[in-house]
Amino acid sequence: MIEQILSRKNLLQAMYKVQKNHGSAGVDDMPVTKLSELLAIDKEELTARVRSGKYLPQAILGVEIPKGKGKTRLLGIPTVCDRLLQQAVLQTITARFEYEFSDSSYGFRPKRSVGQAVQKAQCYINEGFHHIVDIDLKTFFDEVDHCYLLELLFRKIKCHETLRLIRKWLRSPIQIEGKLVKRRKGVPQGSPLSPLLSNIVLHELDRELERQGLRFIRYADDFSIYLKTKTSARKTGNNIYRFLKGKLKLPINREKSGIRRPVHFTCLGFGFVPTYKKGERGKYQLVVSEKSWRNLKQKLKTITRKTTPMSFDERIEKLNVVQRGWINAFRMASIQNKLAELDGWLRNRLRYCIWHHWKKPERKRKNLIRLGVEPAKAYQWSRTRMGGWRVAQSPILRTTITVERLKLRGYFPLLELYKEVKPNTALFPMV
């Protein structure tokens, strides 16, 4: 297997994949753009060290990213060279595990998505499975037992050189704020191998759930079980808790775990509400959870903050990226009404940015005249003592910086993005 991993074709595929992901540099500050040069110069030496077992991975760079509610998640960034080899290993060993994985597992697998997982959950709920065992694994990626994971890998991988290489990556120290910290458990999030390794560990959970004949969905470490009665849900929850703690050695976050009804349950950013359409009584439709709406609004607020040093075109470009990504993720849900409401708020934020950018009264007066305001009225509004946010919501800007004019500058209303309407790229005066 090690020869297959180190083959020229496999390493080139791994290099293109790593470069395509545009990841950050690790502890050696080497960017992914230098990867092709590394392969051209040191490929033979690198592969020889891997074959002989003398290859030593460098430390992982630990970076804390915000998680919400003031909490952070530790992200591990391997060096570019380690990412290359991990990607090469991933491409070789994935097929040995993928065919065994459960049909109810959707995370980090080819031709599977969040949307499929959520639709399956909706299907179970609409079939009458209204008692949901919602279990949150506490810091799963930091708690994976290395010995148990290597034992699972050995069942499919008999190549000692490959296993030795994976073990070295698992044991690599992590550098946090300049200090090296030893690691004896856990799989660092951020490495190419971590999604597959997490699925390998949690596949044992899938097998146990299937053995008990339960309906469930799992996306990475997020999973939920669907039952018809509260008694069976409580019994199943206790059994799975013991299995996770006893066999997989994974702790559960008791505060976030419990038995939910559909209206109090969120699945991968989606919620469920009863539908009252004729002929669909007792059915549930998909909506976006309040947390997902808050996250979107916070991102839009950051981009449209008037004090952020950014041109209008840059704001529009960043807005379009965020909006398109969010719409693609949540387009299955019923969101038209909230999108229309959010559109109005966002347009006022953009008008506020424009008004703030004009700054001086004389500049405001001239630009208002350009946009069709009578000179006397333009003079009056350019000298107003009204706050910028109130001006943005006033008729003077809503009737001049209209939706159509914003579209000419590349702005896409969320509701139109939802309906897949393409933008107009023409310009209108903004200076």
Protein backbone atom coordinates (compact mmCIF):
# COMPACT_ATOMS: atom_id res chain seq x y z
CA MET A 1 0.00 0.00 0.00
CA ILE A 2 2.81 2.45 0.76
CA GLU A 3 3.99 2.22 -2.86
CA GLN A 4 0.48 3.05 -4.05
CA ILE A 5 0.41 6.05 -1.70
CA LEU A 6 3.81 7.31 -2.91
CA SER A 7 3.15 6.75 -6.61
CA ARG A 8 3.69 9.77 -8.84
CA LYS A 9 0.06 9.86 -9.99
CA ASN A 10 -1.34 9.72 -6.46
CA LEU A 11 1.03 12.43 -5.15
CA LEU A 12 0.16 14.74 -8.05
CA GLN A 13 -3.56 14.29 -7.39
CA ALA A 14 -2.94 15.02 -3.71
CA MET A 15 -0.94 18.14 -4.58
CA TYR A 16 -3.72 19.53 -6.80
CA LYS A 17 -6.30 18.82 -4.09
CA VAL A 18 -4.25 20.56 -1.35
CA GLN A 19 -3.58 23.57 -3.59
CA LYS A 20 -7.25 23.78 -4.55
CA ASN A 21 -8.27 24.00 -0.87
CA HIS A 22 -6.11 27.14 -0.36
CA GLY A 23 -5.30 26.26 3.26
CA SER A 24 -3.19 28.38 5.63
CA ALA A 25 0.49 27.74 6.28
CA GLY A 26 1.54 25.56 9.21
CA VAL A 27 4.34 26.07 11.75
CA ASP A 28 6.95 26.33 8.96
CA ASP A 29 5.10 29.24 7.28
CA MET A 30 5.28 27.46 3.91
CA PRO A 31 2.31 28.39 1.65
CA VAL A 32 0.52 25.86 -0.55
CA THR A 33 1.81 27.71 -3.64
CA LYS A 34 5.30 26.32 -2.88
CA LEU A 35 4.10 22.71 -2.92
CA SER A 36 4.87 22.10 -6.60
CA GLU A 37 8.43 23.37 -6.06
CA LEU A 38 8.84 21.01 -3.08
CA LEU A 39 7.75 18.02 -5.14
CA ALA A 40 10.01 18.99 -8.02
CA ILE A 41 13.11 19.31 -5.78
CA ASP A 42 12.65 16.95 -2.81
CA LYS A 43 10.21 14.29 -4.02
CA GLU A 44 12.72 11.41 -4.08
CA GLU A 45 14.16 12.28 -0.68
CA LEU A 46 10.67 12.69 0.83
CA THR A 47 9.39 9.35 -0.46
CA ALA A 48 12.59 7.56 0.61
CA ARG A 49 12.21 8.84 4.19
CA VAL A 50 8.56 7.70 4.28
CA ARG A 51 9.45 4.20 2.99
CA SER A 52 12.27 3.77 5.51
CA GLY A 53 10.16 5.01 8.44
CA LYS A 54 12.49 7.98 9.07
CA TYR A 55 9.92 10.59 8.13
CA LEU A 56 8.90 12.73 11.12
CA PRO A 57 5.87 15.03 10.83
CA GLN A 58 6.27 18.58 12.09
CA ALA A 59 4.16 20.02 14.89
CA ILE A 60 0.58 21.08 14.17
CA LEU A 61 -0.27 24.77 14.39
CA GLY A 62 -3.17 25.29 16.80
CA VAL A 63 -5.54 28.14 15.93
CA GLU A 64 -8.66 29.01 17.92
CA ILE A 65 -11.69 29.99 15.85
CA PRO A 66 -14.94 31.47 17.26
CA LYS A 67 -17.71 28.97 17.89
CA GLY A 68 -20.49 31.21 19.24
CA LYS A 69 -21.53 32.47 22.66
CA GLY A 70 -17.93 33.49 23.38
CA LYS A 71 -16.63 29.93 22.96
CA THR A 72 -13.84 28.84 20.63
CA ARG A 73 -12.86 25.67 18.77
CA LEU A 74 -9.25 24.55 18.39
CA LEU A 75 -8.32 24.03 14.75
CA GLY A 76 -5.13 22.10 13.91
CA ILE A 77 -3.23 23.16 10.78
CA PRO A 78 -0.54 20.67 9.64
CA THR A 79 2.34 21.82 7.47
CA VAL A 80 1.85 21.75 3.70
CA CYS A 81 4.15 18.72 3.35
CA ASP A 82 2.15 16.77 5.96
CA ARG A 83 -1.12 17.78 4.29
CA LEU A 84 0.21 16.46 0.98
CA LEU A 85 1.04 13.06 2.46
CA GLN A 86 -2.21 12.89 4.44
CA GLN A 87 -4.20 13.64 1.29
CA ALA A 88 -2.25 10.91 -0.56
CA VAL A 89 -3.05 8.42 2.23
CA LEU A 90 -6.71 9.52 2.26
CA GLN A 91 -7.09 8.92 -1.50
CA THR A 92 -5.67 5.42 -1.12
CA ILE A 93 -7.49 4.11 1.96
CA THR A 94 -10.94 5.72 1.55
CA ALA A 95 -12.25 2.96 -0.73
CA ARG A 96 -11.39 0.32 1.89
CA PHE A 97 -13.80 1.87 4.39
CA GLU A 98 -16.39 3.74 2.31
CA TYR A 99 -18.33 0.69 1.10
CA GLU A 100 -18.96 -0.44 4.71
CA PHE A 101 -20.28 2.88 6.01
CA SER A 102 -23.95 3.13 6.89
CA ASP A 103 -26.55 4.58 4.52
CA SER A 104 -27.61 6.80 7.45
CA SER A 105 -24.17 8.44 7.64
CA TYR A 106 -23.96 11.63 5.54
CA GLY A 107 -20.94 13.62 6.74
CA PHE A 108 -17.78 14.00 4.60
CA ARG A 109 -18.76 11.29 2.16
CA PRO A 110 -18.93 11.39 -1.66
CA LYS A 111 -22.34 12.18 -3.17
CA ARG A 112 -23.84 12.86 0.27
CA SER A 113 -24.81 16.21 1.76
CA VAL A 114 -26.42 18.08 4.64
CA GLY A 115 -29.59 18.42 2.58
CA GLN A 116 -29.98 14.65 2.23
CA ALA A 117 -29.52 14.19 5.99
CA VAL A 118 -32.13 16.85 6.85
CA GLN A 119 -34.64 15.46 4.33
CA LYS A 120 -34.22 12.00 5.86
CA ALA A 121 -34.89 13.46 9.32
CA GLN A 122 -38.01 15.19 7.98
CA CYS A 123 -39.14 11.89 6.44
CA TYR A 124 -38.81 10.07 9.79
CA ILE A 125 -40.71 12.83 11.60
CA ASN A 126 -43.52 12.82 9.02
CA GLU A 127 -43.80 9.04 9.44
CA GLY A 128 -44.75 9.59 13.08
CA PHE A 129 -41.39 9.25 14.86
CA HIS A 130 -41.86 12.35 17.02
CA HIS A 131 -39.64 11.45 19.99
CA ILE A 132 -36.08 12.32 19.01
CA VAL A 133 -33.00 11.31 20.99
CA ASP A 134 -30.67 14.24 20.33
CA ILE A 135 -27.13 13.49 21.56
CA ASP A 136 -24.28 16.00 21.48
CA LEU A 137 -20.77 14.56 21.78
CA LYS A 138 -18.58 16.73 23.97
CA THR A 139 -15.47 17.89 22.03
CA PHE A 140 -15.53 14.71 19.94
CA PHE A 141 -12.42 15.45 17.87
CA ASP A 142 -10.39 16.05 21.05
CA GLU A 143 -11.53 12.81 22.72
CA VAL A 144 -10.90 10.08 20.11
CA ASP A 145 -8.89 7.23 21.67
CA HIS A 146 -5.76 6.59 19.57
CA CYS A 147 -5.38 2.91 20.50
CA TYR A 148 -8.98 2.11 19.58
CA LEU A 149 -8.72 4.06 16.34
CA LEU A 150 -5.51 2.28 15.29
CA GLU A 151 -7.16 -1.05 16.09
CA LEU A 152 -10.04 -0.18 13.74
CA LEU A 153 -7.59 0.89 11.03
CA PHE A 154 -5.63 -2.35 11.35
CA ARG A 155 -8.74 -4.37 10.40
CA LYS A 156 -8.55 -2.96 6.86
CA ILE A 157 -4.96 -1.74 6.52
CA LYS A 158 -2.28 -4.40 6.88
CA CYS A 159 0.55 -2.16 5.65
CA HIS A 160 2.76 -1.44 8.69
CA GLU A 161 4.45 1.58 7.04
CA THR A 162 1.07 3.24 6.42
CA LEU A 163 -0.14 2.56 9.97
CA ARG A 164 3.14 3.86 11.39
CA LEU A 165 2.72 7.06 9.36
CA ILE A 166 -0.86 7.60 10.59
CA ARG A 167 0.23 6.94 14.18
CA LYS A 168 2.94 9.60 13.88
CA TRP A 169 0.37 12.14 12.69
CA LEU A 170 -1.95 11.25 15.56
CA ARG A 171 0.86 11.76 18.09
CA SER A 172 2.29 14.97 16.57
CA PRO A 173 2.40 17.76 19.19
CA ILE A 174 0.27 20.85 18.67
CA GLN A 175 1.72 24.35 18.96
CA ILE A 176 -0.57 26.69 20.89
CA GLU A 177 0.59 30.28 21.40
CA GLY A 178 4.19 29.27 20.77
CA LYS A 179 4.19 26.30 23.19
CA LEU A 180 4.24 22.64 22.15
CA VAL A 181 1.55 20.49 23.78
CA LYS A 182 1.70 16.67 23.75
CA ARG A 183 -1.25 14.78 22.31
CA ARG A 184 -2.26 11.31 23.50
CA LYS A 185 -5.84 11.40 22.25
CA GLY A 186 -7.92 13.28 19.70
CA VAL A 187 -7.87 13.93 15.96
CA PRO A 188 -7.10 17.57 15.12
CA GLN A 189 -9.75 19.28 13.01
CA GLY A 190 -8.17 20.80 9.94
CA SER A 191 -6.18 17.87 8.59
CA PRO A 192 -7.30 16.04 5.40
CA LEU A 193 -7.49 12.72 7.27
CA SER A 194 -9.59 13.84 10.24
CA PRO A 195 -13.06 13.51 8.56
CA LEU A 196 -12.36 9.91 7.47
CA LEU A 197 -10.88 8.95 10.84
CA SER A 198 -13.91 10.38 12.64
CA ASN A 199 -16.25 8.38 10.37
CA ILE A 200 -14.23 5.21 11.04
CA VAL A 201 -14.66 5.62 14.81
CA LEU A 202 -18.33 6.57 14.67
CA HIS A 203 -19.11 3.76 12.20
CA GLU A 204 -19.04 1.53 15.29
CA LEU A 205 -21.88 3.64 16.67
CA ASP A 206 -23.77 3.26 13.37
CA ARG A 207 -23.38 -0.51 13.55
CA GLU A 208 -24.77 -0.59 17.09
CA LEU A 209 -27.78 1.54 16.09
CA GLU A 210 -28.45 -0.65 13.06
CA ARG A 211 -28.12 -3.78 15.22
CA GLN A 212 -30.93 -2.42 17.41
CA GLY A 213 -33.05 -1.67 14.32
CA LEU A 214 -33.22 2.08 15.03
CA ARG A 215 -33.94 4.92 12.64
CA PHE A 216 -31.20 7.54 12.82
CA ILE A 217 -29.14 10.02 10.87
CA ARG A 218 -25.52 11.01 11.47
CA TYR A 219 -23.48 13.84 9.99
CA ALA A 220 -19.93 13.55 11.37
CA ASP A 221 -20.36 13.82 15.16
CA ASP A 222 -23.95 15.15 14.97
CA PHE A 223 -26.52 12.38 15.23
CA SER A 224 -30.13 11.88 16.25
CA ILE A 225 -32.37 8.83 16.74
CA TYR A 226 -36.12 8.79 15.91
CA LEU A 227 -38.69 6.80 17.93
CA LYS A 228 -42.46 6.71 18.39
CA THR A 229 -42.79 6.71 22.19
CA LYS A 230 -41.10 8.61 24.97
CA THR A 231 -40.47 5.40 26.94
CA SER A 232 -38.55 3.79 24.08
CA ALA A 233 -36.68 7.05 23.48
CA ARG A 234 -35.57 7.22 27.11
CA LYS A 235 -34.47 3.57 27.10
CA THR A 236 -32.58 3.97 23.81
CA GLY A 237 -30.88 7.15 25.02
CA ASN A 238 -29.58 5.40 28.14
CA ASN A 239 -28.31 2.42 26.12
CA ILE A 240 -26.47 4.61 23.62
CA TYR A 241 -24.99 6.70 26.44
CA ARG A 242 -23.51 3.56 28.00
CA PHE A 243 -22.21 2.37 24.61
CA LEU A 244 -20.49 5.68 23.88
CA LYS A 245 -18.94 5.93 27.32
CA GLY A 246 -18.00 2.26 27.68
CA LYS A 247 -16.83 1.15 24.24
CA LEU A 248 -15.96 4.31 22.30
CA LYS A 249 -14.81 6.26 25.40
CA LEU A 250 -16.60 9.40 24.21
CA PRO A 251 -18.20 11.81 26.71
CA ILE A 252 -21.65 13.32 26.11
CA ASN A 253 -22.58 16.96 26.63
CA ARG A 254 -25.57 16.47 28.94
CA GLU A 255 -26.65 20.12 28.68
CA LYS A 256 -27.20 19.86 24.91
CA SER A 257 -28.49 16.29 24.84
CA GLY A 258 -32.01 15.08 25.54
CA ILE A 259 -35.32 13.85 24.14
CA ARG A 260 -36.90 16.43 21.83
CA ARG A 261 -40.19 16.92 20.08
CA PRO A 262 -39.95 18.11 16.44
CA VAL A 263 -40.84 21.75 17.20
CA HIS A 264 -37.99 21.94 19.75
CA PHE A 265 -35.47 20.06 17.62
CA THR A 266 -32.86 21.51 15.25
CA CYS A 267 -30.93 19.40 12.76
CA LEU A 268 -27.82 20.82 11.08
CA GLY A 269 -29.18 24.38 11.14
CA PHE A 270 -32.78 23.46 10.22
CA GLY A 271 -35.91 23.39 12.34
CA PHE A 272 -39.31 21.72 11.95
CA VAL A 273 -42.74 23.32 12.25
CA PRO A 274 -46.22 21.82 11.69
CA THR A 275 -47.85 22.55 8.35
CA TYR A 276 -51.54 23.43 8.25
CA LYS A 277 -52.13 22.88 4.54
CA LYS A 278 -55.20 20.91 3.59
CA GLY A 279 -54.42 17.21 3.34
CA GLU A 280 -51.08 17.57 5.21
CA ARG A 281 -52.26 17.65 8.82
CA GLY A 282 -49.69 16.17 11.17
CA LYS A 283 -46.84 16.81 8.72
CA TYR A 284 -43.84 19.06 9.36
CA GLN A 285 -42.07 21.47 7.03
CA LEU A 286 -38.47 22.64 7.10
CA VAL A 287 -37.54 26.09 8.40
CA VAL A 288 -34.21 27.70 9.19
CA SER A 289 -33.27 27.67 12.88
CA GLU A 290 -33.02 30.95 14.78
CA LYS A 291 -29.30 30.38 15.32
CA SER A 292 -28.69 30.12 11.57
CA TRP A 293 -30.63 33.34 10.97
CA ARG A 294 -28.60 35.11 13.66
CA ASN A 295 -25.33 33.88 12.16
CA LEU A 296 -26.33 35.13 8.70
CA LYS A 297 -27.41 38.52 10.05
CA GLN A 298 -24.14 38.88 11.99
CA LYS A 299 -22.09 38.17 8.85
CA LEU A 300 -24.10 40.67 6.82
CA LYS A 301 -23.78 43.25 9.60
CA THR A 302 -19.98 42.84 9.68
CA ILE A 303 -19.68 43.38 5.91
CA THR A 304 -22.02 46.41 5.90
CA ARG A 305 -20.55 48.15 8.95
CA LYS A 306 -20.02 51.75 7.85
CA THR A 307 -16.68 52.10 9.64
CA THR A 308 -15.14 49.08 7.86
CA PRO A 309 -12.57 50.46 5.36
CA MET A 310 -13.99 48.99 2.18
CA SER A 311 -15.26 50.29 -1.17
CA PHE A 312 -18.90 49.79 -2.10
CA ASP A 313 -17.99 47.30 -4.83
CA GLU A 314 -15.93 45.25 -2.35
CA ARG A 315 -18.87 45.17 0.05
CA ILE A 316 -21.20 43.97 -2.71
CA GLU A 317 -18.74 41.28 -3.78
CA LYS A 318 -18.39 39.93 -0.24
CA LEU A 319 -22.14 40.13 0.32
CA ASN A 320 -22.81 38.09 -2.80
CA VAL A 321 -20.41 35.35 -1.69
CA VAL A 322 -22.03 35.08 1.77
CA GLN A 323 -25.58 35.29 0.42
CA ARG A 324 -25.08 32.72 -2.33
CA GLY A 325 -23.46 30.24 0.06
CA TRP A 326 -26.21 30.66 2.65
CA ILE A 327 -29.04 30.39 0.09
CA ASN A 328 -27.50 27.24 -1.41
CA ALA A 329 -27.28 25.69 2.06
CA PHE A 330 -30.84 26.53 3.18
CA ARG A 331 -32.87 26.74 -0.04
CA MET A 332 -34.85 23.61 0.92
CA ALA A 333 -36.51 25.45 3.82
CA SER A 334 -39.51 27.77 3.76
CA ILE A 335 -37.71 31.14 4.00
CA GLN A 336 -39.35 33.56 1.53
CA ASN A 337 -41.05 35.81 4.10
CA LYS A 338 -37.97 36.21 6.29
CA LEU A 339 -35.75 36.80 3.26
CA ALA A 340 -37.98 39.67 2.14
CA GLU A 341 -37.77 41.20 5.64
CA LEU A 342 -33.99 40.75 5.75
CA ASP A 343 -33.64 42.31 2.28
CA GLY A 344 -35.21 45.56 3.47
CA TRP A 345 -32.89 45.74 6.48
CA LEU A 346 -29.82 44.99 4.34
CA ARG A 347 -30.65 47.65 1.75
CA ASN A 348 -30.93 50.24 4.51
CA ARG A 349 -27.50 49.14 5.77
CA LEU A 350 -26.08 49.71 2.27
CA ARG A 351 -27.73 53.14 2.01
CA TYR A 352 -26.22 54.02 5.38
CA CYS A 353 -22.75 53.02 4.08
CA ILE A 354 -23.22 55.20 0.99
CA TRP A 355 -24.42 58.18 3.05
CA HIS A 356 -21.46 57.79 5.41
CA HIS A 357 -19.06 57.51 2.43
CA TRP A 358 -20.29 60.82 1.00
CA LYS A 359 -19.17 62.51 4.28
CA LYS A 360 -19.13 66.24 3.52
CA PRO A 361 -22.42 68.16 3.13
CA GLU A 362 -21.49 69.59 -0.27
CA ARG A 363 -20.67 66.16 -1.62
CA LYS A 364 -24.00 64.84 -0.31
CA ARG A 365 -25.84 67.72 -2.00
CA LYS A 366 -24.19 67.12 -5.39
CA ASN A 367 -24.79 63.36 -5.30
CA LEU A 368 -28.45 63.80 -4.32
CA ILE A 369 -28.91 66.14 -7.30
CA ARG A 370 -27.23 63.54 -9.57
CA LEU A 371 -29.78 61.01 -8.35
CA GLY A 372 -32.69 63.28 -9.30
CA VAL A 373 -33.44 65.28 -6.11
CA GLU A 374 -34.49 68.92 -6.51
CA PRO A 375 -31.60 71.31 -5.64
CA ALA A 376 -33.42 72.97 -2.73
CA LYS A 377 -34.40 69.64 -1.20
CA ALA A 378 -30.91 68.25 -1.79
CA TYR A 379 -29.41 71.21 0.06
CA GLN A 380 -31.84 70.76 2.95
CA TRP A 381 -31.10 67.02 3.36
CA SER A 382 -27.33 67.45 2.95
CA ARG A 383 -27.36 69.76 6.02
CA THR A 384 -29.72 67.67 8.15
CA ARG A 385 -28.84 66.89 11.76
CA MET A 386 -30.67 63.62 11.50
CA GLY A 387 -28.55 60.53 12.25
CA GLY A 388 -27.22 58.46 9.35
CA TRP A 389 -29.35 55.38 10.13
CA ARG A 390 -32.53 57.50 10.15
CA VAL A 391 -31.54 59.13 6.86
CA ALA A 392 -30.97 55.66 5.34
CA GLN A 393 -34.57 54.74 6.18
CA SER A 394 -36.01 58.08 5.09
CA PRO A 395 -37.79 58.65 1.76
CA ILE A 396 -34.91 60.80 0.46
CA LEU A 397 -32.60 57.78 0.11
CA ARG A 398 -35.22 55.07 -0.38
CA THR A 399 -36.58 56.89 -3.44
CA THR A 400 -33.16 57.74 -4.90
CA ILE A 401 -30.91 54.78 -4.01
CA THR A 402 -33.60 52.36 -5.11
CA VAL A 403 -33.50 48.58 -5.40
CA GLU A 404 -33.07 48.92 -9.18
CA ARG A 405 -30.07 51.22 -8.79
CA LEU A 406 -28.47 48.94 -6.24
CA LYS A 407 -28.94 46.05 -8.66
CA LEU A 408 -27.10 48.04 -11.32
CA ARG A 409 -24.09 48.03 -8.99
CA GLY A 410 -24.20 44.24 -8.61
CA TYR A 411 -26.42 43.87 -5.53
CA PHE A 412 -28.55 40.71 -5.46
CA PRO A 413 -31.65 40.75 -3.23
CA LEU A 414 -31.75 37.60 -1.14
CA LEU A 415 -35.25 36.78 -2.33
CA GLU A 416 -34.18 37.00 -5.98
CA LEU A 417 -31.13 34.86 -5.28
CA TYR A 418 -33.50 32.32 -3.81
CA LYS A 419 -35.43 32.38 -7.07
CA GLU A 420 -32.17 32.22 -9.08
CA VAL A 421 -32.43 35.63 -10.73
CA LYS A 422 -29.16 36.83 -12.28
CA PRO A 423 -27.91 40.36 -11.48
CA ASN A 424 -27.35 43.35 -13.73
CA THR A 425 -23.70 44.45 -13.77
CA ALA A 426 -24.15 48.05 -14.97
CA LEU A 427 -23.09 50.99 -12.79
CA PHE A 428 -24.72 54.09 -11.36
CA PRO A 429 -23.09 57.21 -9.77
CA MET A 430 -21.92 56.58 -6.20
CA VAL A 431 -19.14 59.16 -5.72
